Amino acid sequence: MVIETSRPIAQVARELGIGEGTLGNWVAAYRRDHAGDEPALNISERERLRQLEREARELRMENEFLKKPPRTSPRIIGE
């Protein structure tokens, strides 16, 4: 259900009444065992992937910028 419908593991696990970790392990094992079975991305999927990767890079840069301490302006003597 997770693989075929791309639904979140947590949602499917709740529906089936099993632990998320268990289902996650099963999905990971399936993906490892069937890594070569997935069809190649089409042109629009590749473009969307590039857009998402670019957005992720930008968000990481923004996040790093926000983590930096603010710069203080130099004080002018006599203030």
C-alpha atoms as a PDB file:
ATOM      1  CA  MET A   1       0.000   0.000   0.000  1.00  0.00           C
ATOM      2  CA  VAL A   2       2.863   2.374   0.798  1.00  0.00           C
ATOM      3  CA  ILE A   3       4.779   1.532  -2.365  1.00  0.00           C
ATOM      4  CA  GLU A   4       1.860   1.381  -4.771  1.00  0.00           C
ATOM      5  CA  THR A   5      -0.064   4.428  -3.551  1.00  0.00           C
ATOM      6  CA  SER A   6       2.807   6.548  -2.123  1.00  0.00           C
ATOM      7  CA  ARG A   7       0.833   6.972   1.081  1.00  0.00           C
ATOM      8  CA  PRO A   8       2.717   7.765   4.299  1.00  0.00           C
ATOM      9  CA  ILE A   9       3.943   4.821   6.338  1.00  0.00           C
ATOM     10  CA  ALA A  10       2.308   6.212   9.485  1.00  0.00           C
ATOM     11  CA  GLN A  11      -1.128   6.362   7.854  1.00  0.00           C
ATOM     12  CA  VAL A  12      -0.951   2.840   6.423  1.00  0.00           C
ATOM     13  CA  ALA A  13       0.409   1.447   9.706  1.00  0.00           C
ATOM     14  CA  ARG A  14      -2.552   2.940  11.618  1.00  0.00           C
ATOM     15  CA  GLU A  15      -5.007   1.471   9.118  1.00  0.00           C
ATOM     16  CA  LEU A  16      -3.410  -1.966   9.399  1.00  0.00           C
ATOM     17  CA  GLY A  17      -2.999  -1.777  13.180  1.00  0.00           C
ATOM     18  CA  ILE A  18       0.764  -2.359  13.143  1.00  0.00           C
ATOM     19  CA  GLY A  19       3.697  -0.298  14.355  1.00  0.00           C
ATOM     20  CA  GLU A  20       5.162   2.383  12.127  1.00  0.00           C
ATOM     21  CA  GLY A  21       8.662   1.067  12.745  1.00  0.00           C
ATOM     22  CA  THR A  22       7.707  -2.433  11.665  1.00  0.00           C
ATOM     23  CA  LEU A  23       6.052  -1.252   8.483  1.00  0.00           C
ATOM     24  CA  GLY A  24       8.921   1.146   7.835  1.00  0.00           C
ATOM     25  CA  ASN A  25      11.391  -1.731   8.088  1.00  0.00           C
ATOM     26  CA  TRP A  26       9.308  -3.811   5.682  1.00  0.00           C
ATOM     27  CA  VAL A  27       9.072  -0.960   3.187  1.00  0.00           C
ATOM     28  CA  ALA A  28      12.818  -0.280   3.410  1.00  0.00           C
ATOM     29  CA  ALA A  29      13.580  -3.978   2.878  1.00  0.00           C
ATOM     30  CA  TYR A  30      11.232  -4.115  -0.110  1.00  0.00           C
ATOM     31  CA  ARG A  31      12.809  -1.038  -1.642  1.00  0.00           C
ATOM     32  CA  ARG A  32      16.303  -2.474  -1.121  1.00  0.00           C
ATOM     33  CA  ASP A  33      15.318  -5.780  -2.696  1.00  0.00           C
ATOM     34  CA  HIS A  34      13.513  -4.145  -5.619  1.00  0.00           C
ATOM     35  CA  ALA A  35      15.691  -1.082  -6.198  1.00  0.00           C
ATOM     36  CA  GLY A  36      16.200  -1.855  -9.888  1.00  0.00           C
ATOM     37  CA  ASP A  37      12.511  -2.562 -10.504  1.00  0.00           C
ATOM     38  CA  GLU A  38      11.342   1.034 -10.426  1.00  0.00           C
ATOM     39  CA  PRO A  39      10.744   2.619 -13.838  1.00  0.00           C
ATOM     40  CA  ALA A  40      12.904   5.530 -14.892  1.00  0.00           C
ATOM     41  CA  LEU A  41      11.540   9.025 -14.338  1.00  0.00           C
ATOM     42  CA  ASN A  42       9.843  10.702 -17.275  1.00  0.00           C
ATOM     43  CA  ILE A  43      10.776  14.208 -18.393  1.00  0.00           C
ATOM     44  CA  SER A  44       8.235  16.036 -16.217  1.00  0.00           C
ATOM     45  CA  GLU A  45       9.183  13.949 -13.168  1.00  0.00           C
ATOM     46  CA  ARG A  46      12.872  14.732 -13.722  1.00  0.00           C
ATOM     47  CA  GLU A  47      12.103  18.440 -14.010  1.00  0.00           C
ATOM     48  CA  ARG A  48      10.022  18.316 -10.817  1.00  0.00           C
ATOM     49  CA  LEU A  49      12.856  16.499  -9.055  1.00  0.00           C
ATOM     50  CA  ARG A  50      15.308  19.212 -10.150  1.00  0.00           C
ATOM     51  CA  GLN A  51      12.927  21.894  -8.862  1.00  0.00           C
ATOM     52  CA  LEU A  52      12.569  20.153  -5.500  1.00  0.00           C
ATOM     53  CA  GLU A  53      16.330  19.668  -5.189  1.00  0.00           C
ATOM     54  CA  ARG A  54      16.893  23.357  -5.961  1.00  0.00           C
ATOM     55  CA  GLU A  55      14.253  24.343  -3.394  1.00  0.00           C
ATOM     56  CA  ALA A  56      15.840  22.052  -0.800  1.00  0.00           C
ATOM     57  CA  ARG A  57      19.263  23.660  -1.425  1.00  0.00           C
ATOM     58  CA  GLU A  58      17.793  27.140  -1.031  1.00  0.00           C
ATOM     59  CA  LEU A  59      15.980  26.182   2.165  1.00  0.00           C
ATOM     60  CA  ARG A  60      19.168  24.671   3.608  1.00  0.00           C
ATOM     61  CA  MET A  61      21.061  27.888   2.830  1.00  0.00           C
ATOM     62  CA  GLU A  62      18.323  30.003   4.414  1.00  0.00           C
ATOM     63  CA  ASN A  63      18.311  27.735   7.450  1.00  0.00           C
ATOM     64  CA  GLU A  64      22.084  28.046   7.844  1.00  0.00           C
ATOM     65  CA  PHE A  65      21.823  31.822   7.506  1.00  0.00           C
ATOM     66  CA  LEU A  66      19.151  31.979  10.208  1.00  0.00           C
ATOM     67  CA  LYS A  67      21.317  29.888  12.557  1.00  0.00           C
ATOM     68  CA  LYS A  68      24.151  32.442  12.420  1.00  0.00           C
ATOM     69  CA  PRO A  69      24.268  34.952  15.258  1.00  0.00           C
ATOM     70  CA  PRO A  70      23.223  38.449  14.251  1.00  0.00           C
ATOM     71  CA  ARG A  71      26.000  40.873  13.437  1.00  0.00           C
ATOM     72  CA  THR A  72      26.187  43.904  15.643  1.00  0.00           C
ATOM     73  CA  SER A  73      26.920  47.274  14.153  1.00  0.00           C
ATOM     74  CA  PRO A  74      30.062  49.008  15.375  1.00  0.00           C
ATOM     75  CA  ARG A  75      29.482  51.616  18.036  1.00  0.00           C
ATOM     76  CA  ILE A  76      30.493  55.152  17.308  1.00  0.00           C
ATOM     77  CA  ILE A  77      32.582  56.721  20.060  1.00  0.00           C
ATOM     78  CA  GLY A  78      30.751  59.512  21.767  1.00  0.00           C
ATOM     79  CA  GLU A  79      27.254  58.080  21.513  1.00  0.00           C
END
